[in-house]
Protein backbone atom coordinates (compact mmCIF):
# COMPACT_ATOMS: atom_id res chain seq x y z
CA PHE A 1 97.39 110.39 53.71
CA GLN A 2 98.88 112.21 56.31
CA ILE A 3 96.03 111.12 59.16
CA GLY A 4 96.77 107.86 57.48
CA LEU A 5 100.43 107.44 58.15
CA GLU A 6 100.64 108.83 61.42
CA GLN A 7 98.02 106.78 62.41
CA VAL A 8 100.10 103.48 61.41
CA LEU A 9 103.45 105.35 63.23
CA TYR A 10 101.08 105.32 66.18
CA SER A 11 99.88 101.90 66.59
CA PRO A 12 102.22 100.28 69.20
CA ALA A 13 102.90 96.87 67.60
CA LEU A 14 104.76 98.50 64.73
CA VAL A 15 106.59 100.95 67.38
CA THR A 16 107.66 98.49 69.51
CA ASN A 17 109.04 96.42 66.47
CA ILE A 18 111.15 99.02 64.75
CA LEU A 19 112.75 99.98 68.18
CA VAL A 20 113.61 96.30 69.17
CA LYS A 21 114.52 95.44 65.50
CA LYS A 22 116.26 98.52 64.08
CA LYS A 23 117.45 100.51 67.22
CA MET A 24 118.05 97.80 69.52
CA VAL A 25 116.79 99.48 72.50
CA ASN A 26 117.28 96.90 75.96
CA PHE A 27 113.90 97.49 77.55
CA GLN A 28 115.13 94.82 79.75
CA LYS A 29 116.09 97.63 82.87
CA GLU A 30 112.97 99.29 82.80
CA GLU A 31 110.84 95.92 82.97
CA GLN A 32 113.29 94.94 86.16
CA ARG A 33 111.98 98.43 87.53
CA LEU A 34 108.36 97.57 87.32
CA THR A 35 108.72 94.10 88.26
CA GLU A 36 110.82 95.44 91.51
CA GLN A 37 107.58 97.92 92.44
CA ASN A 38 105.23 95.63 91.32
CA MET A 39 106.91 92.93 93.76
CA GLY A 40 107.09 96.04 96.49
CA ILE A 41 103.29 96.87 96.19
CA ASP A 42 102.13 93.18 96.38
CA LEU A 43 104.07 92.78 99.18
CA ALA A 44 102.78 95.85 101.07
CA LEU A 45 99.35 94.75 100.33
CA LEU A 46 99.99 91.11 101.51
CA TYR A 47 101.37 92.72 104.67
CA VAL A 48 98.50 95.17 105.07
CA GLU A 49 95.70 92.25 104.67
CA THR A 50 97.65 89.43 107.09
CA LEU A 51 97.67 92.61 109.63
CA MET A 52 93.94 92.84 109.12
CA LEU A 53 93.06 89.27 109.24
CA GLU A 54 94.79 89.08 112.70
CA ASN A 55 92.92 91.93 114.04
CA LYS A 56 89.40 90.19 112.27
CA ILE A 57 90.29 87.13 114.49
CA ASN A 58 90.86 88.97 117.51
CA ASP A 59 87.11 90.69 117.17
CA GLN A 60 85.58 87.13 115.99
CA LYS A 61 87.29 85.79 119.47
CA GLU A 62 85.06 88.31 121.15
CA TYR A 63 81.75 87.36 119.24
CA VAL A 64 82.83 83.97 120.82
CA LYS A 65 83.15 84.94 123.90
CA GLU A 66 79.65 86.80 123.63
CA ALA A 67 78.13 84.01 122.03
CA ARG A 68 79.33 81.69 125.08
CA GLU A 69 78.19 83.95 127.70
CA ASN A 70 74.51 84.13 125.75
CA LEU A 71 74.03 80.59 125.45
CA ALA A 72 75.05 80.24 129.77
CA ILE A 73 72.47 82.67 130.06
CA ALA A 74 69.69 81.45 128.20
CA ARG A 75 70.86 77.94 129.58
CA VAL A 76 69.98 79.82 133.22
CA ARG A 77 66.80 81.04 131.66
CA GLU A 78 65.59 78.23 130.84
CA LYS A 79 65.99 76.11 133.93
CA MET A 80 64.53 79.40 135.94
CA GLY A 81 61.10 78.50 133.19
CA LYS A 82 61.27 82.30 132.01
CA CYS A 83 62.16 80.74 128.16
CA GLY A 84 61.71 77.59 126.03
CA ASN A 85 64.12 75.65 124.95
CA GLU A 86 64.27 77.44 121.62
CA GLU A 87 66.26 80.53 122.99
CA ALA A 88 69.05 78.17 123.87
CA LEU A 89 68.92 76.35 120.74
CA ARG A 90 69.30 79.77 119.00
CA TRP A 91 72.49 80.41 120.87
CA ALA A 92 74.09 77.32 120.57
CA THR A 93 73.81 77.22 116.75
CA GLN A 94 75.16 81.43 116.64
CA LEU A 95 78.18 80.15 119.29
CA TYR A 96 78.98 77.19 116.44
CA ILE A 97 79.07 79.51 113.71
CA SER A 98 81.12 81.78 115.43
CA GLU A 99 83.70 79.17 116.42
CA GLN A 100 83.65 78.13 112.55
CA GLN A 101 84.36 81.24 111.32
CA LEU A 102 87.70 81.43 114.02
CA LEU A 103 89.04 78.03 112.98
CA ASP A 104 88.71 79.29 109.11
CA MET A 105 90.26 82.92 109.76
CA THR A 106 92.44 80.96 112.10
CA ALA A 107 93.74 78.73 109.34
CA ALA A 108 94.30 81.12 106.83
CA LEU A 109 96.65 82.96 109.18
CA LYS A 110 98.27 79.90 109.56
CA ASN A 111 98.78 79.58 105.58
CA ILE A 112 99.47 83.06 105.40
CA LYS A 113 102.56 82.47 107.58
CA LEU A 114 103.78 79.29 106.00
CA ASN A 115 103.89 81.22 102.74
CA ILE A 116 105.45 83.98 103.72
CA ASN A 117 107.97 81.48 105.84
CA LYS A 118 108.84 79.46 102.09
CA LEU A 119 109.55 82.94 100.97
CA LEU A 120 112.28 83.79 103.83
CA PHE A 121 113.75 80.30 103.59
CA ASN A 122 112.64 79.77 107.37
CA GLU A 123 111.42 76.76 109.06
CA GLN A 124 107.83 76.23 108.27
CA THR A 125 107.03 75.90 111.64
CA GLN A 126 108.85 78.78 112.53
CA ASN A 127 105.85 81.41 114.77
CA PHE A 128 106.47 85.31 114.29
CA ASP A 129 104.28 88.09 114.64
CA LEU A 130 103.88 91.23 112.36
CA ALA A 131 104.58 94.82 113.44
CA ALA A 132 101.84 96.77 113.52
CA LEU A 133 102.35 99.36 111.29
CA LYS A 134 102.10 103.22 112.37
CA ALA A 135 101.64 106.38 109.79
CA THR A 136 104.96 107.65 110.74
CA ASP A 137 106.79 104.15 109.28
CA PRO A 138 107.99 104.29 106.12
CA ALA A 139 107.18 100.47 106.08
CA PHE A 140 107.49 99.41 102.77
CA PHE A 141 109.16 100.69 99.28
CA THR A 142 110.53 100.00 96.40
CA SER A 143 113.82 101.91 95.01
CA ASP A 144 111.47 104.19 93.75
CA ILE A 145 107.74 104.59 95.45
CA HIS A 146 106.96 104.88 99.33
CA ILE A 147 104.21 103.12 99.91
CA ILE A 148 103.79 104.70 103.52
CA ASP A 149 106.21 107.47 103.83
CA TYR A 150 105.58 109.74 106.62
CA VAL A 151 101.51 110.33 105.89
CA ILE A 152 100.23 111.62 109.27
CA THR A 153 97.90 115.07 108.09
CA PRO A 154 95.62 115.01 104.99
CA LYS A 155 97.84 117.72 103.31
CA TYR A 156 100.49 114.60 103.11
CA LEU A 157 98.12 112.17 102.25
CA GLU A 158 97.22 114.29 99.28
CA GLN A 159 100.55 114.84 98.07
CA PHE A 160 101.43 111.35 98.65
CA THR A 161 98.87 110.51 96.56
CA GLN A 162 99.47 112.78 93.92
CA MET A 163 103.06 111.61 93.71
CA LEU A 164 101.61 107.85 93.29
CA VAL A 165 99.20 109.40 90.14
CA ASN A 166 102.68 110.69 89.13
CA GLU A 167 104.67 107.44 89.11
CA ALA A 168 101.96 105.37 87.75
CA PHE A 169 101.56 107.89 84.53
CA LYS A 170 105.48 107.59 84.45
CA VAL A 171 105.80 104.29 84.03
CA SER A 172 102.74 103.43 82.22
CA PRO A 173 103.28 101.04 78.88
CA GLU A 174 101.24 103.37 76.69
CA LEU A 175 102.95 106.43 77.91
CA ALA A 176 106.16 104.92 77.04
CA LYS A 177 104.70 103.87 73.90
CA LEU A 178 103.58 107.03 72.85
CA LYS A 179 107.15 108.59 73.59
CA ALA A 180 108.88 106.11 71.38
CA ALA A 181 106.43 106.79 68.46
CA ILE A 182 107.34 110.45 68.67
CA LYS A 183 110.85 109.70 68.60
CA MET A 184 110.35 107.48 65.95
CA LYS A 185 108.62 110.16 64.09
CA ASP A 186 111.40 112.72 64.52
CA TYR A 187 114.02 110.19 63.66
CA GLU A 188 112.05 109.99 60.25
CA MET A 189 111.83 113.29 59.97
């Protein structure tokens, strides 16, 4: 019977109902804090992904340049009779594919920049460059979690990772419900 009673006491739905209805506990502050953290993390990830896309576009430009050079070499070799038409066609195809990928990446970057301008209430045609991230920049933060917080050495990286784990553990809904259930049990006793 005791085990059955504890199971009922620890059920999350019951705990939430008791807390909200009987004790009138306001969860709004914690929800706002969690929303801010999630927004900060989403913004940080968007920034990092955008920077990665910019770097990938630069790499793709190099691929296009290389494919153009190889196509020119293949055409010269074809005219000299050193190779057949197939090599020039192969490099022309490679150039087309590389240019198509570059166009797709550039369009994706422009769409992301449009969305960022919308979020900032700027003109959508306004162009901007994102600043490169450095390990010494505390570039993204919410009120509690610093995403990049002077992570320079492996020791600092380990401390930072541990801090993230601790923060995630602190704000986990399961832990909050368990603490609430323990408090409710204490009140009943």
